[in-house]
């Protein structure tokens, strides 16, 4: 994946979902998280989202606002309530449940 792709901000015309992905440079986990997030949004949110990619190597002070303690971290600001998902977002089912796009599976008895 070319370096320029990681710094791209994806926008839509109908910003129903505001997602912030916090990364630290272009590590393999950061690149994977961004690619996974773009795929999940394209598959499940159609044109109703905006992704803000925040590189904490360039702007470390931005971690304080959303209380980021690990990276990569995805923060869903809209729709409320705020949600956070830590990791490279490779477990699509977990991400969908975390974003409230799919209900949590019933506990096994």
Protein backbone atom coordinates (compact mmCIF):
# COMPACT_ATOMS: atom_id res chain seq x y z
CA UNK A 1 0.00 0.00 0.00
CA UNK A 2 1.53 3.34 -0.99
CA UNK A 3 2.29 5.74 1.85
CA UNK A 4 -0.05 8.41 0.48
CA UNK A 5 -3.12 6.19 0.95
CA UNK A 6 -2.77 6.17 4.73
CA UNK A 7 -3.03 9.94 5.03
CA UNK A 8 -6.12 10.21 2.85
CA UNK A 9 -9.36 11.36 4.50
CA UNK A 10 -12.49 9.75 3.10
CA UNK A 11 -15.55 12.01 3.03
CA UNK A 12 -19.13 11.56 1.98
CA UNK A 13 -21.91 13.99 1.26
CA UNK A 14 -24.23 12.61 3.98
CA UNK A 15 -22.06 12.52 7.10
CA UNK A 16 -24.31 10.48 9.36
CA UNK A 17 -21.28 8.68 10.86
CA UNK A 18 -18.16 10.45 12.10
CA UNK A 19 -15.31 8.00 12.66
CA UNK A 20 -11.82 8.91 13.87
CA UNK A 21 -8.98 6.45 13.45
CA UNK A 22 -5.99 7.21 15.64
CA UNK A 23 -2.70 5.77 14.39
CA UNK A 24 1.02 6.34 14.98
CA UNK A 25 2.72 6.63 11.62
CA UNK A 26 2.47 4.03 8.90
CA UNK A 27 3.03 0.88 10.88
CA UNK A 28 1.63 -2.37 9.48
CA UNK A 29 -1.17 -2.30 12.11
CA UNK A 30 -2.08 1.29 11.21
CA UNK A 31 -2.20 0.54 7.48
CA UNK A 32 -4.24 -2.62 8.11
CA UNK A 33 -6.67 -0.79 10.41
CA UNK A 34 -7.25 1.94 7.81
CA UNK A 35 -7.81 -0.58 5.00
CA UNK A 36 -10.18 -2.65 7.16
CA UNK A 37 -12.12 0.46 8.21
CA UNK A 38 -12.54 1.63 4.61
CA UNK A 39 -13.85 -1.81 3.61
CA UNK A 40 -16.26 -2.02 6.55
CA UNK A 41 -17.60 1.46 5.82
CA UNK A 42 -18.01 0.74 2.11
CA UNK A 43 -19.79 -2.54 2.82
CA UNK A 44 -22.05 -1.42 5.68
CA UNK A 45 -22.41 2.38 5.74
CA UNK A 46 -22.76 3.17 2.02
CA UNK A 47 -22.19 6.93 1.59
CA UNK A 48 -23.12 7.95 5.12
CA UNK A 49 -19.76 8.30 6.80
CA UNK A 50 -16.64 10.40 7.20
CA UNK A 51 -13.28 9.04 8.35
CA UNK A 52 -10.81 11.34 10.05
CA UNK A 53 -7.35 9.80 10.17
CA UNK A 54 -5.31 11.22 13.04
CA UNK A 55 -1.59 10.44 13.13
CA UNK A 56 -0.42 10.87 16.71
CA UNK A 57 3.22 11.09 15.61
CA UNK A 58 2.31 14.39 13.94
CA UNK A 59 -0.25 15.60 16.52
CA UNK A 60 0.27 13.80 19.84
CA UNK A 61 -1.83 16.36 21.73
CA UNK A 62 -4.96 15.10 19.93
CA UNK A 63 -4.85 11.83 21.91
CA UNK A 64 -6.01 13.64 25.03
CA UNK A 65 -9.37 14.76 23.61
CA UNK A 66 -10.68 11.23 23.01
CA UNK A 67 -8.58 9.72 25.83
CA UNK A 68 -6.58 7.45 23.51
CA UNK A 69 -4.40 4.97 25.42
CA UNK A 70 -3.62 2.45 22.66
CA UNK A 71 -3.22 2.56 18.90
CA UNK A 72 -4.70 2.01 16.49
CA UNK A 73 -8.01 3.08 18.02
CA UNK A 74 -11.25 3.77 16.20
CA UNK A 75 -13.58 6.31 17.82
CA UNK A 76 -17.18 6.65 16.68
CA UNK A 77 -18.26 10.20 17.56
CA UNK A 78 -21.52 10.21 15.60
CA UNK A 79 -24.06 8.83 15.99
CA UNK A 80 -23.95 9.13 19.76
CA UNK A 81 -22.99 7.59 22.12
CA UNK A 82 -19.25 7.59 21.53
CA UNK A 83 -17.72 4.14 21.01
CA UNK A 84 -14.07 3.01 20.90
CA UNK A 85 -12.54 -0.04 19.27
CA UNK A 86 -8.86 -0.81 19.76
CA UNK A 87 -6.85 -2.87 17.29
CA UNK A 88 -6.39 -3.35 13.56
CA UNK A 89 -10.15 -3.91 12.98
CA UNK A 90 -9.51 -7.29 11.34
CA UNK A 91 -12.35 -8.96 13.26
CA UNK A 92 -15.19 -7.53 11.19
CA UNK A 93 -17.93 -9.03 13.34
CA UNK A 94 -16.46 -7.46 16.49
CA UNK A 95 -16.18 -4.09 14.75
CA UNK A 96 -19.79 -4.24 13.53
CA UNK A 97 -21.01 -5.07 17.04
CA UNK A 98 -18.78 -2.34 18.52
CA UNK A 99 -20.19 0.23 16.12
CA UNK A 100 -23.77 -0.93 16.84
CA UNK A 101 -24.23 -1.99 13.23
CA UNK A 102 -25.04 -5.52 14.35
CA UNK A 103 -26.42 -6.79 17.66
CA UNK A 104 -24.09 -8.64 19.99
CA UNK A 105 -24.40 -12.40 19.74
CA UNK A 106 -26.41 -14.08 22.48
CA UNK A 107 -24.25 -15.62 25.20
CA UNK A 108 -23.76 -19.36 24.90
CA UNK A 109 -25.36 -21.43 27.62
